[in-house]
Amino acid sequence: MHIFWEVIGYIGTILVILSMMMTSVTKLRVINVCGAAFSTVYAVVCDAWAIVVMNVCLMAINIFHLIREYKMKKSDVQPHAE
């Protein structure tokens, strides 16, 4: 079971690193949220609570910006009433 949690941690690490290679900010945020989620699970298992806090904050920030971006795009696409 120990190897399973190590794999979860490495998946999180790889996803966070990959997210930094994205040219699209949206892709960066989505991949980073996924990586932070995996890293959070690993940190909980390892009782690394400072890392849990950091990853939860990163997920919240990225999700906030993704929702804001989605709402802005949605409002731009809809025709304006005259």
C-alpha atoms as a PDB file:
ATOM      1  CA  MET A   1       0.000   0.000   0.000  1.00  0.00           C
ATOM      2  CA  HIS A   2       2.957   2.300   0.635  1.00  0.00           C
ATOM      3  CA  ILE A   3       3.895   2.179  -3.058  1.00  0.00           C
ATOM      4  CA  PHE A   4       0.332   3.177  -3.999  1.00  0.00           C
ATOM      5  CA  TRP A   5       0.588   6.405  -1.976  1.00  0.00           C
ATOM      6  CA  GLU A   6       4.039   7.140  -3.408  1.00  0.00           C
ATOM      7  CA  VAL A   7       2.591   6.803  -6.915  1.00  0.00           C
ATOM      8  CA  ILE A   8      -0.209   9.223  -5.968  1.00  0.00           C
ATOM      9  CA  GLY A   9       2.414  11.702  -4.750  1.00  0.00           C
ATOM     10  CA  TYR A  10       4.473  11.381  -7.922  1.00  0.00           C
ATOM     11  CA  ILE A  11       1.391  11.818 -10.112  1.00  0.00           C
ATOM     12  CA  GLY A  12       0.651  15.055  -8.265  1.00  0.00           C
ATOM     13  CA  THR A  13       4.234  16.226  -8.678  1.00  0.00           C
ATOM     14  CA  ILE A  14       4.295  15.409 -12.402  1.00  0.00           C
ATOM     15  CA  LEU A  15       0.968  17.177 -13.007  1.00  0.00           C
ATOM     16  CA  VAL A  16       2.086  20.336 -11.184  1.00  0.00           C
ATOM     17  CA  ILE A  17       5.340  20.377 -13.182  1.00  0.00           C
ATOM     18  CA  LEU A  18       3.451  19.786 -16.440  1.00  0.00           C
ATOM     19  CA  SER A  19       1.051  22.603 -15.602  1.00  0.00           C
ATOM     20  CA  MET A  20       3.976  25.032 -15.509  1.00  0.00           C
ATOM     21  CA  MET A  21       4.803  24.102 -19.113  1.00  0.00           C
ATOM     22  CA  MET A  22       1.390  25.116 -20.459  1.00  0.00           C
ATOM     23  CA  THR A  23       1.141  28.195 -22.660  1.00  0.00           C
ATOM     24  CA  SER A  24      -2.603  28.419 -22.027  1.00  0.00           C
ATOM     25  CA  VAL A  25      -3.423  29.813 -18.589  1.00  0.00           C
ATOM     26  CA  THR A  26      -6.675  27.833 -18.533  1.00  0.00           C
ATOM     27  CA  LYS A  27      -4.877  24.546 -19.182  1.00  0.00           C
ATOM     28  CA  LEU A  28      -2.261  25.505 -16.601  1.00  0.00           C
ATOM     29  CA  ARG A  29      -4.951  26.061 -13.973  1.00  0.00           C
ATOM     30  CA  VAL A  30      -6.895  22.859 -14.747  1.00  0.00           C
ATOM     31  CA  ILE A  31      -3.806  20.644 -14.708  1.00  0.00           C
ATOM     32  CA  ASN A  32      -2.495  22.415 -11.614  1.00  0.00           C
ATOM     33  CA  VAL A  33      -5.768  21.768  -9.751  1.00  0.00           C
ATOM     34  CA  CYS A  34      -5.502  18.074 -10.622  1.00  0.00           C
ATOM     35  CA  GLY A  35      -1.878  17.946  -9.491  1.00  0.00           C
ATOM     36  CA  ALA A  36      -2.648  19.794  -6.277  1.00  0.00           C
ATOM     37  CA  ALA A  37      -5.513  17.375  -5.567  1.00  0.00           C
ATOM     38  CA  PHE A  38      -3.222  14.348  -5.921  1.00  0.00           C
ATOM     39  CA  SER A  39      -0.553  16.086  -3.842  1.00  0.00           C
ATOM     40  CA  THR A  40      -3.116  16.898  -1.155  1.00  0.00           C
ATOM     41  CA  VAL A  41      -4.133  13.260  -0.849  1.00  0.00           C
ATOM     42  CA  TYR A  42      -0.489  12.246  -0.553  1.00  0.00           C
ATOM     43  CA  ALA A  43       0.216  14.978   2.004  1.00  0.00           C
ATOM     44  CA  VAL A  44      -2.760  13.891   4.143  1.00  0.00           C
ATOM     45  CA  VAL A  45      -1.497  10.308   4.141  1.00  0.00           C
ATOM     46  CA  CYS A  46       1.972  11.545   5.149  1.00  0.00           C
ATOM     47  CA  ASP A  47       0.580  13.939   7.804  1.00  0.00           C
ATOM     48  CA  ALA A  48       2.246  16.858   6.017  1.00  0.00           C
ATOM     49  CA  TRP A  49      -0.368  19.435   6.982  1.00  0.00           C
ATOM     50  CA  ALA A  50       1.550  22.487   5.775  1.00  0.00           C
ATOM     51  CA  ILE A  51       1.601  20.923   2.302  1.00  0.00           C
ATOM     52  CA  VAL A  52      -2.126  20.164   2.585  1.00  0.00           C
ATOM     53  CA  VAL A  53      -2.842  23.822   3.387  1.00  0.00           C
ATOM     54  CA  MET A  54      -0.685  25.029   0.494  1.00  0.00           C
ATOM     55  CA  ASN A  55      -2.329  22.683  -2.021  1.00  0.00           C
ATOM     56  CA  VAL A  56      -5.856  23.460  -0.839  1.00  0.00           C
ATOM     57  CA  CYS A  57      -5.082  27.172  -1.235  1.00  0.00           C
ATOM     58  CA  LEU A  58      -3.664  26.575  -4.729  1.00  0.00           C
ATOM     59  CA  MET A  59      -6.776  24.629  -5.716  1.00  0.00           C
ATOM     60  CA  ALA A  60      -9.073  27.350  -4.360  1.00  0.00           C
ATOM     61  CA  ILE A  61      -7.180  30.124  -6.170  1.00  0.00           C
ATOM     62  CA  ASN A  62      -7.112  28.240  -9.463  1.00  0.00           C
ATOM     63  CA  ILE A  63     -10.776  27.226  -9.252  1.00  0.00           C
ATOM     64  CA  PHE A  64     -11.748  30.821  -8.427  1.00  0.00           C
ATOM     65  CA  HIS A  65      -9.940  32.078 -11.527  1.00  0.00           C
ATOM     66  CA  LEU A  66     -11.337  29.304 -13.730  1.00  0.00           C
ATOM     67  CA  ILE A  67     -14.894  30.129 -12.653  1.00  0.00           C
ATOM     68  CA  ARG A  68     -14.279  33.851 -13.174  1.00  0.00           C
ATOM     69  CA  GLU A  69     -12.831  33.193 -16.630  1.00  0.00           C
ATOM     70  CA  TYR A  70     -15.773  30.938 -17.522  1.00  0.00           C
ATOM     71  CA  LYS A  71     -18.291  33.574 -16.435  1.00  0.00           C
ATOM     72  CA  MET A  72     -16.473  36.295 -18.403  1.00  0.00           C
ATOM     73  CA  LYS A  73     -16.403  34.156 -21.553  1.00  0.00           C
ATOM     74  CA  LYS A  74     -20.046  33.210 -21.084  1.00  0.00           C
ATOM     75  CA  SER A  75     -21.105  36.856 -20.758  1.00  0.00           C
ATOM     76  CA  ASP A  76     -19.044  37.840 -23.827  1.00  0.00           C
ATOM     77  CA  VAL A  77     -20.693  35.199 -26.011  1.00  0.00           C
ATOM     78  CA  GLN A  78     -24.283  36.063 -25.181  1.00  0.00           C
ATOM     79  CA  PRO A  79     -25.845  38.813 -27.303  1.00  0.00           C
ATOM     80  CA  HIS A  80     -26.448  42.069 -25.496  1.00  0.00           C
ATOM     81  CA  ALA A  81     -30.043  43.266 -25.205  1.00  0.00           C
ATOM     82  CA  GLU A  82     -30.686  46.647 -26.726  1.00  0.00           C
END
